[in-house]
Structures are given as structure tokens and as C-alpha cells.
C-alpha atoms as a PDB file:
ATOM      1  CA  LEU A   1      10.546   8.042 -18.615  1.00  0.00           C
ATOM      2  CA  ALA A   2       8.349   5.719 -20.601  1.00  0.00           C
ATOM      3  CA  LEU A   3       9.033   2.143 -19.607  1.00  0.00           C
ATOM      4  CA  THR A   4       7.442   0.945 -22.843  1.00  0.00           C
ATOM      5  CA  THR A   5      10.139   2.371 -25.125  1.00  0.00           C
ATOM      6  CA  ARG A   6      12.578   0.116 -26.956  1.00  0.00           C
ATOM      7  CA  ARG A   7      15.112  -1.427 -24.594  1.00  0.00           C
ATOM      8  CA  GLN A   8      18.450  -3.058 -25.242  1.00  0.00           C
ATOM      9  CA  ASN A   9      20.453  -5.190 -22.837  1.00  0.00           C
ATOM     10  CA  PHE A  10      24.172  -4.407 -22.771  1.00  0.00           C
ATOM     11  CA  PRO A  11      27.035  -6.131 -20.971  1.00  0.00           C
ATOM     12  CA  PRO A  12      27.853  -4.555 -17.585  1.00  0.00           C
ATOM     13  CA  THR A  13      31.179  -3.240 -18.904  1.00  0.00           C
ATOM     14  CA  ALA A  14      29.636  -1.321 -21.818  1.00  0.00           C
ATOM     15  CA  THR A  15      30.709   2.319 -22.165  1.00  0.00           C
ATOM     16  CA  PHE A  16      28.400   4.936 -23.691  1.00  0.00           C
ATOM     17  CA  PRO A  17      28.901   8.563 -24.732  1.00  0.00           C
ATOM     18  CA  SER A  18      27.530  10.891 -22.010  1.00  0.00           C
ATOM     19  CA  PRO A  19      25.117   8.405 -20.506  1.00  0.00           C
ATOM     20  CA  SER A  20      22.783   8.890 -17.630  1.00  0.00           C
ATOM     21  CA  PHE A  21      21.665   6.211 -15.267  1.00  0.00           C
ATOM     22  CA  CYS A  22      18.041   6.224 -14.177  1.00  0.00           C
ATOM     23  CA  LEU A  23      16.675   4.537 -11.066  1.00  0.00           C
ATOM     24  CA  VAL A  24      12.936   4.010 -11.305  1.00  0.00           C
ATOM     25  CA  PHE A  25      11.199   3.337  -7.994  1.00  0.00           C
ATOM     26  CA  ARG A  26       8.073   1.240  -8.365  1.00  0.00           C
ATOM     27  CA  PRO A  27       5.583   1.771  -5.540  1.00  0.00           C
ATOM     28  CA  ALA A  28       2.492  -0.270  -4.771  1.00  0.00           C
ATOM     29  CA  ALA A  29      -0.080  -0.813  -7.506  1.00  0.00           C
ATOM     30  CA  GLY A  30      -1.972   2.317  -8.443  1.00  0.00           C
ATOM     31  CA  GLN A  31       0.772   4.723  -7.381  1.00  0.00           C
ATOM     32  CA  GLU A  32       2.905   6.708  -9.813  1.00  0.00           C
ATOM     33  CA  LYS A  33       6.450   5.544 -10.605  1.00  0.00           C
ATOM     34  CA  ARG A  34       9.157   7.995  -9.576  1.00  0.00           C
ATOM     35  CA  GLN A  35      12.722   8.304 -10.773  1.00  0.00           C
ATOM     36  CA  VAL A  36      16.175   9.634 -10.021  1.00  0.00           C
ATOM     37  CA  LEU A  37      18.414  10.553 -12.964  1.00  0.00           C
ATOM     38  CA  ILE A  38      22.172  10.257 -12.372  1.00  0.00           C
ATOM     39  CA  GLU A  39      24.788  11.508 -14.833  1.00  0.00           C
ATOM     40  CA  ILE A  40      27.693   9.037 -14.887  1.00  0.00           C
ATOM     41  CA  GLY A  41      30.097  10.463 -17.474  1.00  0.00           C
ATOM     42  CA  SER A  42      31.311   8.874 -20.679  1.00  0.00           C
ATOM     43  CA  SER A  43      34.487   7.326 -19.285  1.00  0.00           C
ATOM     44  CA  GLU A  44      32.728   5.251 -16.615  1.00  0.00           C
ATOM     45  CA  THR A  45      30.746   2.051 -16.699  1.00  0.00           C
ATOM     46  CA  LEU A  46      28.110   1.152 -14.152  1.00  0.00           C
ATOM     47  CA  HIS A  47      29.991  -2.054 -13.488  1.00  0.00           C
ATOM     48  CA  ASN A  48      33.177  -0.149 -12.595  1.00  0.00           C
ATOM     49  CA  LEU A  49      31.332   2.407 -10.472  1.00  0.00           C
ATOM     50  CA  ILE A  50      29.628  -0.272  -8.410  1.00  0.00           C
ATOM     51  CA  SER A  51      32.075  -3.181  -8.285  1.00  0.00           C
ATOM     52  CA  ALA A  52      35.156  -1.139  -7.324  1.00  0.00           C
ATOM     53  CA  ASN A  53      33.487  -0.573  -3.935  1.00  0.00           C
ATOM     54  CA  GLN A  54      34.937   2.956  -3.928  1.00  0.00           C
ATOM     55  CA  PHE A  55      32.843   6.038  -3.177  1.00  0.00           C
ATOM     56  CA  ASN A  56      31.957   8.051  -6.295  1.00  0.00           C
ATOM     57  CA  SER A  57      29.906  11.174  -5.694  1.00  0.00           C
ATOM     58  CA  THR A  58      26.864  12.194  -7.713  1.00  0.00           C
ATOM     59  CA  ASN A  59      24.969  15.484  -7.891  1.00  0.00           C
ATOM     60  CA  VAL A  60      21.330  14.378  -7.892  1.00  0.00           C
ATOM     61  CA  GLY A  61      20.544  16.538  -4.862  1.00  0.00           C
ATOM     62  CA  ARG A  62      18.652  15.999  -1.639  1.00  0.00           C
ATOM     63  CA  LYS A  63      15.337  17.288  -3.035  1.00  0.00           C
ATOM     64  CA  ASN A  64      15.393  14.839  -5.953  1.00  0.00           C
ATOM     65  CA  TRP A  65      16.228  11.859  -3.731  1.00  0.00           C
ATOM     66  CA  LEU A  66      13.380  12.767  -1.368  1.00  0.00           C
ATOM     67  CA  SER A  67      10.922  13.108  -4.253  1.00  0.00           C
ATOM     68  CA  ALA A  68      11.775   9.580  -5.453  1.00  0.00           C
ATOM     69  CA  LEU A  69       9.718   7.901  -2.715  1.00  0.00           C
ATOM     70  CA  SER A  70       6.392   9.032  -1.339  1.00  0.00           C
ATOM     71  CA  GLY A  71       6.773   9.928   2.340  1.00  0.00           C
ATOM     72  CA  ALA A  72      10.575   9.681   2.303  1.00  0.00           C
ATOM     73  CA  ALA A  73      12.502  11.366   5.107  1.00  0.00           C
ATOM     74  CA  LEU A  74      16.171  12.247   5.629  1.00  0.00           C
ATOM     75  CA  GLN A  75      17.808  13.979   8.550  1.00  0.00           C
ATOM     76  CA  PRO A  76      19.150  17.464   7.648  1.00  0.00           C
ATOM     77  CA  ASN A  77      22.936  16.951   7.829  1.00  0.00           C
ATOM     78  CA  CYS A  78      25.625  14.834   6.136  1.00  0.00           C
ATOM     79  CA  ASN A  79      24.042  14.980   2.645  1.00  0.00           C
ATOM     80  CA  LYS A  80      26.525  12.510   1.154  1.00  0.00           C
ATOM     81  CA  GLU A  81      25.370  10.940  -2.108  1.00  0.00           C
ATOM     82  CA  GLY A  82      26.715   8.714  -4.842  1.00  0.00           C
ATOM     83  CA  PHE A  83      27.808   5.164  -5.590  1.00  0.00           C
ATOM     84  CA  ASN A  84      29.059   3.046  -2.662  1.00  0.00           C
ATOM     85  CA  VAL A  85      28.053   5.637  -0.067  1.00  0.00           C
ATOM     86  CA  ARG A  86      29.014   4.706   3.484  1.00  0.00           C
ATOM     87  CA  ALA A  87      28.503   6.588   6.733  1.00  0.00           C
ATOM     88  CA  GLY A  88      31.644   5.457   8.530  1.00  0.00           C
ATOM     89  CA  LEU A  89      34.398   2.893   8.290  1.00  0.00           C
ATOM     90  CA  SER A  90      32.919   0.242  10.565  1.00  0.00           C
ATOM     91  CA  SER A  91      30.996  -2.768   9.280  1.00  0.00           C
ATOM     92  CA  TRP A  92      27.821  -1.540  11.036  1.00  0.00           C
ATOM     93  CA  SER A  93      27.720   1.867   9.309  1.00  0.00           C
ATOM     94  CA  LEU A  94      24.723   2.716   7.167  1.00  0.00           C
ATOM     95  CA  ARG A  95      25.435   2.328   3.474  1.00  0.00           C
ATOM     96  CA  ALA A  96      23.848   2.520   0.042  1.00  0.00           C
ATOM     97  CA  ARG A  97      25.153   1.019  -3.172  1.00  0.00           C
ATOM     98  CA  ILE A  98      23.571   4.009  -4.922  1.00  0.00           C
ATOM     99  CA  GLY A  99      21.978   6.611  -2.707  1.00  0.00           C
ATOM    100  CA  PHE A 100      21.970   9.444  -0.206  1.00  0.00           C
ATOM    101  CA  LEU A 101      22.772   9.644   3.545  1.00  0.00           C
ATOM    102  CA  GLY A 102      21.343  12.000   6.148  1.00  0.00           C
ATOM    103  CA  ASN A 103      22.272  12.594   9.796  1.00  0.00           C
ATOM    104  CA  ASN A 104      21.055  14.663  12.741  1.00  0.00           C
ATOM    105  CA  GLU A 105      24.653  15.465  13.787  1.00  0.00           C
ATOM    106  CA  ALA A 106      26.943  17.653  11.695  1.00  0.00           C
ATOM    107  CA  ASP A 107      28.908  14.666  10.337  1.00  0.00           C
ATOM    108  CA  CYS A 108      28.423  11.534   8.242  1.00  0.00           C
ATOM    109  CA  ILE A 109      30.063   9.058  10.623  1.00  0.00           C
ATOM    110  CA  THR A 110      26.888   8.256  12.558  1.00  0.00           C
ATOM    111  CA  ALA A 111      24.267   8.718   9.806  1.00  0.00           C
ATOM    112  CA  ASP A 112      20.791   7.532  10.807  1.00  0.00           C
ATOM    113  CA  THR A 113      18.866   7.886   7.534  1.00  0.00           C
ATOM    114  CA  HIS A 114      19.408   6.848   3.950  1.00  0.00           C
ATOM    115  CA  ILE A 115      17.530   6.455   0.690  1.00  0.00           C
ATOM    116  CA  GLY A 116      18.455   4.571  -2.475  1.00  0.00           C
ATOM    117  CA  VAL A 117      19.314   1.094  -3.740  1.00  0.00           C
ATOM    118  CA  GLY A 118      21.355  -1.593  -1.999  1.00  0.00           C
ATOM    119  CA  LEU A 119      20.809  -0.293   1.531  1.00  0.00           C
ATOM    120  CA  GLY A 120      22.255  -1.864   4.650  1.00  0.00           C
ATOM    121  CA  GLY A 121      23.777  -1.246   8.034  1.00  0.00           C
ATOM    122  CA  MET A 122      23.098  -1.572  11.721  1.00  0.00           C
ATOM    123  CA  GLY A 123      19.620  -0.473  12.625  1.00  0.00           C
ATOM    124  CA  CYS A 124      18.384   0.049  16.136  1.00  0.00           C
ATOM    125  CA  GLY A 125      19.646  -2.362  18.732  1.00  0.00           C
ATOM    126  CA  SER A 126      22.059  -4.924  17.411  1.00  0.00           C
ATOM    127  CA  HIS A 127      20.572  -6.217  14.180  1.00  0.00           C
ATOM    128  CA  PHE A 128      22.120  -5.725  10.753  1.00  0.00           C
ATOM    129  CA  TYR A 129      19.595  -5.201   8.002  1.00  0.00           C
ATOM    130  CA  ARG A 130      19.558  -5.142   4.208  1.00  0.00           C
ATOM    131  CA  MET A 131      16.991  -3.559   1.908  1.00  0.00           C
ATOM    132  CA  SER A 132      17.047  -3.801  -1.889  1.00  0.00           C
ATOM    133  CA  ALA A 133      15.642  -0.302  -2.320  1.00  0.00           C
ATOM    134  CA  GLY A 134      13.836   2.263  -0.225  1.00  0.00           C
ATOM    135  CA  ASN A 135      14.260   4.650   2.696  1.00  0.00           C
ATOM    136  CA  GLY A 136      15.768   3.587   6.039  1.00  0.00           C
ATOM    137  CA  ARG A 137      15.224   5.810   9.081  1.00  0.00           C
ATOM    138  CA  PHE A 138      16.651   5.150  12.549  1.00  0.00           C
ATOM    139  CA  SER A 139      16.927   6.957  15.907  1.00  0.00           C
ATOM    140  CA  ASP A 140      14.449   9.743  15.110  1.00  0.00           C
ATOM    141  CA  ALA A 141      11.525   7.431  14.364  1.00  0.00           C
ATOM    142  CA  PRO A 142       8.921   5.955  16.724  1.00  0.00           C
ATOM    143  CA  ASN A 143      10.101   2.624  18.122  1.00  0.00           C
ATOM    144  CA  CYS A 144      13.590   3.583  16.919  1.00  0.00           C
ATOM    145  CA  SER A 145      13.126   2.322  13.356  1.00  0.00           C
ATOM    146  CA  SER A 146      10.908   3.182  10.413  1.00  0.00           C
ATOM    147  CA  SER A 147      11.770   1.944   6.958  1.00  0.00           C
ATOM    148  CA  THR A 148      10.030   1.885   3.593  1.00  0.00           C
ATOM    149  CA  ALA A 149      11.019  -0.864   1.167  1.00  0.00           C
ATOM    150  CA  ILE A 150      10.166  -0.492  -2.510  1.00  0.00           C
ATOM    151  CA  ALA A 151      10.983  -2.159  -5.820  1.00  0.00           C
ATOM    152  CA  ALA A 152      13.391  -0.383  -8.161  1.00  0.00           C
ATOM    153  CA  ALA A 153      14.708  -0.843 -11.695  1.00  0.00           C
ATOM    154  CA  ALA A 154      17.825   0.618 -13.283  1.00  0.00           C
ATOM    155  CA  PHE A 155      18.102   1.938 -16.844  1.00  0.00           C
ATOM    156  CA  VAL A 156      20.961   3.463 -18.815  1.00  0.00           C
ATOM    157  CA  HIS A 157      19.804   6.322 -21.000  1.00  0.00           C
ATOM    158  CA  VAL A 158      21.895   7.026 -24.081  1.00  0.00           C
ATOM    159  CA  LEU A 159      21.210   9.978 -26.341  1.00  0.00           C
ATOM    160  CA  ALA A 160      21.201   9.189 -30.046  1.00  0.00           C
ATOM    161  CA  GLN A 161      24.182  10.715 -31.835  1.00  0.00           C
END
């Protein structure tokens, strides 16, 4: 993805034929940008996918999410990904507006790791945290918590007809 190509701003309710949504993670200066490409379908808008606060699955895949951030880590189970991803029903559950959850147990209810954009949930102890973008890791990390915050940008990619 070349970030220098022509860009156009569209209203959040715009609908495009067969678009893909690209998250570009921007690491510290001197490091290479990395991206995750998400197919969203022609009948959806990003606004509807995000604002409805309903889970919508994606098929980016664990490997692609992990490759988006240098040094990222996810526990091996759960593997739930998409828009409005949430580990459990409680207000303390780990969540991602767009992202991927991992867990050491064979369920998603008590997920301890996540990667993506719009992260939040109860970390170690009793503090609730929010992170714009990055990789949150709890329980299996030294001192209970290890997180990597990073800047991210979102682009809609539309193929010319």
C-alpha cells in the first residue's frame, strides 16, 4: 500500500462495490509500516459495521494479525476476529473495535490477549484500560501485563470499475 497515492474522503455512510478496508499500523520512526486488509462486502458500510456495536466476523487470519505489529503475541485459543469483538458479556471483558482475540483456555469468555484498533477491557488487577491501537497481553506476561501501543490509520480500497 502506497500512502502517497491519490486519496478521497467519503462520508462514513458511503457504500462501495466490493471494497476492502485496510488498517495500516505505523510503528516508530525508521520501522516499516505494516497492514491488515479486511474484505467488508459491497452491501456494508464501515459506519454500519462499527456503530451498530454488533459483532461482525472477518477472515483476516491469526497469522496476518500477528504480522501487523512487530513482536505481537496472542495466546493460542479463542481466535475470534472481526468488528466489535468482545471476549465476554461483562463490562470488563477484553474488546477490540476491529481486531483479534486470543486466550490460553479453550474459550473466548476470559480472553487475555488481543490485537487491533479500539482496544479496551480490564487488565491485571482492577484497572480498566483503553488503547487506540496495538497489542494487549495479560496474565501470561511478566508483571501480569505487557502491551504495545502503536498508531494506526484506516483506508478504504476501491477497485476501479
